[in-house]
Amino acid sequence: MSLPKETIESRRRFLQLLAITAGGACLGGIPLLARAGELPHLTDADPTAKAMNYIEDATASKSALYRTGSICANCQFYHGPDVGYGTCQLFPGKAVNAKGWCSSYTTQKA
């Protein structure tokens, strides 16, 4: 049984980002446990954000992977308030918009 192409591509992007994040953390140049209020806001101009198709307003997403209601605030990688900005494990050192979305969106486990 083979996986759908979208799943394989999404997993590949996630693993690439994970490797980049781990490398940066090992160098000590990325603050992993900073508060969102102290961090610069992630924008879609950021290279990592571009690679992950990040957008600050999920409703404006044109990605075929986007599903209505899929926002950072209810993603398992996001930590923070439902309104405003929080931190994301995929974008260390940056604050992400709770209303945002990226192609690695993963529903929180119940």
N, C-alpha and C. Protein backbone atom coordinates (compact mmCIF):
# COMPACT_ATOMS: atom_id res chain seq x y z
N MET A 1 0.84 -1.17 0.00
CA MET A 1 0.00 0.00 0.00
C MET A 1 0.89 1.24 0.00
N SER A 2 0.67 2.14 -0.93
CA SER A 2 1.50 3.34 -0.99
C SER A 2 0.76 4.54 -0.42
N LEU A 3 1.54 5.49 0.10
CA LEU A 3 0.96 6.71 0.66
C LEU A 3 0.68 7.72 -0.43
N PRO A 4 -0.31 8.60 -0.22
CA PRO A 4 -0.59 9.65 -1.19
C PRO A 4 0.61 10.57 -1.34
N LYS A 5 0.80 11.13 -2.51
CA LYS A 5 1.94 12.00 -2.80
C LYS A 5 2.00 13.17 -1.83
N GLU A 6 0.84 13.77 -1.47
CA GLU A 6 0.82 14.91 -0.56
C GLU A 6 1.38 14.54 0.81
N THR A 7 1.08 13.34 1.28
CA THR A 7 1.56 12.88 2.58
C THR A 7 3.07 12.72 2.55
N ILE A 8 3.59 12.14 1.49
CA ILE A 8 5.03 11.93 1.36
C ILE A 8 5.76 13.28 1.31
N GLU A 9 5.25 14.23 0.51
CA GLU A 9 5.87 15.54 0.40
C GLU A 9 5.82 16.31 1.72
N SER A 10 4.69 16.24 2.42
CA SER A 10 4.55 16.92 3.70
C SER A 10 5.52 16.33 4.72
N ARG A 11 5.63 15.02 4.75
CA ARG A 11 6.54 14.35 5.68
C ARG A 11 7.99 14.73 5.34
N ARG A 12 8.32 14.79 4.08
CA ARG A 12 9.67 15.15 3.66
C ARG A 12 10.00 16.58 4.10
N ARG A 13 9.06 17.52 3.91
CA ARG A 13 9.28 18.91 4.35
C ARG A 13 9.46 18.98 5.86
N PHE A 14 8.65 18.22 6.59
CA PHE A 14 8.74 18.21 8.04
C PHE A 14 10.11 17.69 8.49
N LEU A 15 10.58 16.61 7.89
CA LEU A 15 11.87 16.05 8.28
C LEU A 15 13.02 17.00 7.94
N GLN A 16 12.93 17.71 6.82
CA GLN A 16 13.94 18.69 6.48
C GLN A 16 13.97 19.82 7.51
N LEU A 17 12.80 20.31 7.87
CA LEU A 17 12.72 21.37 8.86
C LEU A 17 13.23 20.89 10.21
N LEU A 18 12.90 19.68 10.57
CA LEU A 18 13.35 19.11 11.83
C LEU A 18 14.88 19.06 11.88
N ALA A 19 15.51 18.67 10.79
CA ALA A 19 16.97 18.61 10.73
C ALA A 19 17.58 20.00 10.87
N ILE A 20 16.99 20.99 10.20
CA ILE A 20 17.48 22.37 10.29
C ILE A 20 17.34 22.89 11.72
N THR A 21 16.19 22.64 12.33
CA THR A 21 15.93 23.08 13.69
C THR A 21 16.89 22.44 14.68
N ALA A 22 17.09 21.15 14.55
CA ALA A 22 18.00 20.44 15.46
C ALA A 22 19.43 20.95 15.31
N GLY A 23 19.85 21.21 14.08
CA GLY A 23 21.19 21.74 13.85
C GLY A 23 21.37 23.12 14.48
N GLY A 24 20.37 23.97 14.33
CA GLY A 24 20.44 25.30 14.93
C GLY A 24 20.43 25.24 16.44
N ALA A 25 19.65 24.34 17.00
CA ALA A 25 19.59 24.20 18.45
C ALA A 25 20.92 23.72 19.00
N CYS A 26 21.59 22.83 18.29
CA CYS A 26 22.89 22.33 18.73
C CYS A 26 23.93 23.45 18.75
N LEU A 27 23.79 24.38 17.85
CA LEU A 27 24.71 25.51 17.81
C LEU A 27 24.41 26.53 18.89
N GLY A 28 23.25 26.42 19.51
CA GLY A 28 22.89 27.34 20.59
C GLY A 28 22.42 28.69 20.11
N GLY A 29 22.23 28.86 18.84
CA GLY A 29 21.83 30.15 18.32
C GLY A 29 20.33 30.38 18.28
N ILE A 30 19.54 29.37 18.65
CA ILE A 30 18.09 29.49 18.57
C ILE A 30 17.50 29.36 19.96
N PRO A 31 16.84 30.40 20.45
CA PRO A 31 16.21 30.29 21.77
C PRO A 31 14.96 29.42 21.69
N LEU A 32 15.00 28.23 22.25
CA LEU A 32 13.89 27.29 22.13
C LEU A 32 12.77 27.55 23.13
N LEU A 33 13.07 28.16 24.27
CA LEU A 33 12.08 28.32 25.31
C LEU A 33 11.78 29.78 25.61
N ALA A 34 11.80 30.62 24.63
CA ALA A 34 11.51 32.04 24.83
C ALA A 34 10.00 32.27 24.81
N ARG A 35 9.57 33.36 25.42
CA ARG A 35 8.15 33.72 25.39
C ARG A 35 7.83 34.38 24.06
N ALA A 36 6.62 34.15 23.58
CA ALA A 36 6.22 34.67 22.27
C ALA A 36 6.31 36.19 22.22
N GLY A 37 6.01 36.86 23.34
CA GLY A 37 6.06 38.32 23.37
C GLY A 37 7.45 38.88 23.20
N GLU A 38 8.46 38.06 23.46
CA GLU A 38 9.85 38.48 23.34
C GLU A 38 10.45 38.15 21.98
N LEU A 39 9.72 37.43 21.17
CA LEU A 39 10.25 36.96 19.89
C LEU A 39 9.74 37.80 18.73
N PRO A 40 10.54 37.89 17.65
CA PRO A 40 10.04 38.55 16.45
C PRO A 40 8.94 37.71 15.81
N HIS A 41 7.98 38.37 15.20
CA HIS A 41 6.88 37.66 14.55
C HIS A 41 7.36 37.02 13.25
N LEU A 42 6.93 35.80 13.04
CA LEU A 42 7.23 35.10 11.80
C LEU A 42 6.41 35.72 10.68
N THR A 43 7.05 35.94 9.56
CA THR A 43 6.34 36.45 8.39
C THR A 43 6.50 35.46 7.25
N ASP A 44 5.66 35.58 6.24
CA ASP A 44 5.75 34.66 5.11
C ASP A 44 6.97 34.94 4.24
N ALA A 45 7.76 35.99 4.57
CA ALA A 45 9.00 36.28 3.84
C ALA A 45 10.18 35.47 4.39
N ASP A 46 10.04 34.90 5.58
CA ASP A 46 11.08 34.09 6.20
C ASP A 46 11.30 32.83 5.36
N PRO A 47 12.57 32.45 5.10
CA PRO A 47 12.83 31.27 4.25
C PRO A 47 12.17 29.98 4.76
N THR A 48 12.22 29.76 6.09
CA THR A 48 11.59 28.56 6.63
C THR A 48 10.08 28.64 6.46
N ALA A 49 9.52 29.83 6.68
CA ALA A 49 8.08 30.02 6.51
C ALA A 49 7.67 29.75 5.06
N LYS A 50 8.49 30.21 4.12
CA LYS A 50 8.19 29.95 2.70
C LYS A 50 8.21 28.46 2.41
N ALA A 51 9.19 27.76 2.96
CA ALA A 51 9.30 26.32 2.73
C ALA A 51 8.10 25.56 3.29
N MET A 52 7.52 26.09 4.37
CA MET A 52 6.39 25.43 5.01
C MET A 52 5.04 26.05 4.61
N ASN A 53 5.06 26.97 3.63
CA ASN A 53 3.84 27.64 3.15
C ASN A 53 3.10 28.36 4.26
N TYR A 54 3.86 28.92 5.23
CA TYR A 54 3.24 29.63 6.35
C TYR A 54 2.51 30.88 5.85
N ILE A 55 1.36 31.13 6.44
CA ILE A 55 0.59 32.33 6.15
C ILE A 55 -0.03 32.80 7.46
N GLU A 56 0.02 34.11 7.72
CA GLU A 56 -0.46 34.64 8.99
C GLU A 56 -1.97 34.55 9.16
N ASP A 57 -2.70 34.53 8.08
CA ASP A 57 -4.16 34.42 8.14
C ASP A 57 -4.56 33.17 7.35
N ALA A 58 -4.88 32.12 8.07
CA ALA A 58 -5.18 30.83 7.43
C ALA A 58 -6.29 30.93 6.40
N THR A 59 -7.25 31.81 6.60
CA THR A 59 -8.37 31.90 5.67
C THR A 59 -7.93 32.41 4.30
N ALA A 60 -6.73 32.99 4.21
CA ALA A 60 -6.21 33.48 2.94
C ALA A 60 -5.35 32.43 2.22
N SER A 61 -5.21 31.25 2.82
CA SER A 61 -4.37 30.21 2.22
C SER A 61 -4.95 29.72 0.91
N LYS A 62 -4.06 29.54 -0.06
CA LYS A 62 -4.46 29.00 -1.35
C LYS A 62 -3.92 27.58 -1.53
N SER A 63 -3.33 27.03 -0.47
CA SER A 63 -2.76 25.68 -0.53
C SER A 63 -3.87 24.62 -0.61
N ALA A 64 -3.63 23.62 -1.43
CA ALA A 64 -4.57 22.50 -1.54
C ALA A 64 -4.60 21.67 -0.25
N LEU A 65 -3.57 21.81 0.58
CA LEU A 65 -3.50 21.06 1.83
C LEU A 65 -4.33 21.71 2.95
N TYR A 66 -4.65 22.99 2.80
CA TYR A 66 -5.39 23.70 3.85
C TYR A 66 -6.82 23.18 3.95
N ARG A 67 -7.26 22.99 5.19
CA ARG A 67 -8.64 22.60 5.47
C ARG A 67 -9.25 23.64 6.39
N THR A 68 -10.47 24.04 6.14
CA THR A 68 -11.16 25.04 6.95
C THR A 68 -11.06 24.67 8.43
N GLY A 69 -10.71 25.65 9.25
CA GLY A 69 -10.59 25.44 10.69
C GLY A 69 -9.21 25.01 11.14
N SER A 70 -8.33 24.72 10.21
CA SER A 70 -6.96 24.33 10.55
C SER A 70 -6.13 25.58 10.77
N ILE A 71 -5.93 25.95 12.02
CA ILE A 71 -5.14 27.14 12.35
C ILE A 71 -4.08 26.78 13.38
N CYS A 72 -3.08 27.62 13.50
CA CYS A 72 -2.00 27.36 14.44
C CYS A 72 -2.52 27.11 15.85
N ALA A 73 -3.54 27.85 16.28
CA ALA A 73 -4.05 27.74 17.64
C ALA A 73 -4.52 26.33 17.99
N ASN A 74 -4.89 25.52 16.99
CA ASN A 74 -5.31 24.15 17.30
C ASN A 74 -4.38 23.10 16.68
N CYS A 75 -3.14 23.49 16.44
CA CYS A 75 -2.11 22.57 15.93
C CYS A 75 -1.30 22.03 17.11
N GLN A 76 -0.87 20.80 17.02
CA GLN A 76 -0.13 20.20 18.13
C GLN A 76 1.24 20.83 18.35
N PHE A 77 1.79 21.54 17.37
CA PHE A 77 3.11 22.16 17.51
C PHE A 77 3.05 23.55 18.14
N TYR A 78 1.86 24.12 18.25
CA TYR A 78 1.67 25.49 18.74
C TYR A 78 1.47 25.51 20.25
N HIS A 79 2.07 26.51 20.90
CA HIS A 79 1.91 26.72 22.33
C HIS A 79 1.65 28.20 22.55
N GLY A 80 0.48 28.52 23.05
CA GLY A 80 0.16 29.92 23.31
C GLY A 80 -1.34 30.14 23.33
N PRO A 81 -1.74 31.41 23.36
CA PRO A 81 -3.16 31.73 23.43
C PRO A 81 -3.88 31.47 22.11
N ASP A 82 -5.19 31.40 22.19
CA ASP A 82 -6.01 31.20 20.98
C ASP A 82 -6.10 32.46 20.14
N VAL A 83 -5.74 33.60 20.72
CA VAL A 83 -5.75 34.89 20.02
C VAL A 83 -4.39 35.53 20.23
N GLY A 84 -3.83 36.10 19.19
CA GLY A 84 -2.52 36.74 19.31
C GLY A 84 -1.42 35.84 18.77
N TYR A 85 -0.29 35.84 19.47
CA TYR A 85 0.88 35.09 19.01
C TYR A 85 1.35 34.10 20.07
N GLY A 86 1.92 33.01 19.60
CA GLY A 86 2.47 31.98 20.47
C GLY A 86 3.72 31.41 19.83
N THR A 87 4.26 30.38 20.45
CA THR A 87 5.45 29.74 19.90
C THR A 87 5.06 28.47 19.17
N CYS A 88 5.92 28.06 18.26
CA CYS A 88 5.69 26.85 17.47
C CYS A 88 6.99 26.06 17.45
N GLN A 89 6.90 24.77 17.66
CA GLN A 89 8.08 23.92 17.64
C GLN A 89 8.75 23.90 16.27
N LEU A 90 8.00 24.19 15.22
CA LEU A 90 8.56 24.17 13.87
C LEU A 90 9.28 25.45 13.49
N PHE A 91 9.00 26.54 14.21
CA PHE A 91 9.61 27.83 13.92
C PHE A 91 10.27 28.40 15.18
N PRO A 92 11.30 27.73 15.70
CA PRO A 92 11.92 28.21 16.93
C PRO A 92 12.52 29.61 16.73
N GLY A 93 12.40 30.41 17.77
CA GLY A 93 12.94 31.76 17.71
C GLY A 93 12.01 32.77 17.09
N LYS A 94 10.81 32.36 16.71
CA LYS A 94 9.82 33.25 16.10
C LYS A 94 8.47 33.03 16.76
N ALA A 95 7.67 34.08 16.79
CA ALA A 95 6.29 33.98 17.28
C ALA A 95 5.37 33.84 16.08
N VAL A 96 4.45 32.90 16.16
CA VAL A 96 3.50 32.67 15.06
C VAL A 96 2.11 33.15 15.45
N ASN A 97 1.36 33.57 14.47
CA ASN A 97 -0.01 34.05 14.69
C ASN A 97 -0.92 32.85 14.97
N ALA A 98 -1.73 32.96 16.02
CA ALA A 98 -2.67 31.88 16.36
C ALA A 98 -3.63 31.61 15.21
N LYS A 99 -3.89 32.61 14.37
CA LYS A 99 -4.79 32.45 13.22
C LYS A 99 -4.05 31.98 11.96
N GLY A 100 -2.74 31.72 12.10
CA GLY A 100 -1.93 31.33 10.96
C GLY A 100 -2.10 29.86 10.59
N TRP A 101 -1.33 29.43 9.59
CA TRP A 101 -1.36 28.05 9.12
C TRP A 101 -0.08 27.76 8.35
N CYS A 102 0.39 26.52 8.39
CA CYS A 102 1.49 26.09 7.52
C CYS A 102 1.19 24.67 7.06
N SER A 103 1.95 24.21 6.09
CA SER A 103 1.68 22.90 5.49
C SER A 103 2.00 21.72 6.42
N SER A 104 2.62 21.98 7.55
CA SER A 104 2.87 20.91 8.52
C SER A 104 1.84 20.89 9.63
N TYR A 105 0.72 21.58 9.42
CA TYR A 105 -0.34 21.60 10.42
C TYR A 105 -0.71 20.17 10.79
N THR A 106 -0.80 19.92 12.10
CA THR A 106 -1.17 18.61 12.62
C THR A 106 -2.18 18.81 13.74
N THR A 107 -3.31 18.17 13.63
CA THR A 107 -4.37 18.29 14.64
C THR A 107 -3.85 17.82 15.99
N GLN A 108 -4.26 18.54 17.04
CA GLN A 108 -3.90 18.12 18.39
C GLN A 108 -4.56 16.79 18.69
N LYS A 109 -3.86 15.97 19.42
CA LYS A 109 -4.43 14.68 19.82
C LYS A 109 -5.36 14.91 21.00
N ALA A 110 -6.45 14.20 21.00
CA ALA A 110 -7.46 14.36 22.06
C ALA A 110 -7.01 13.75 23.37
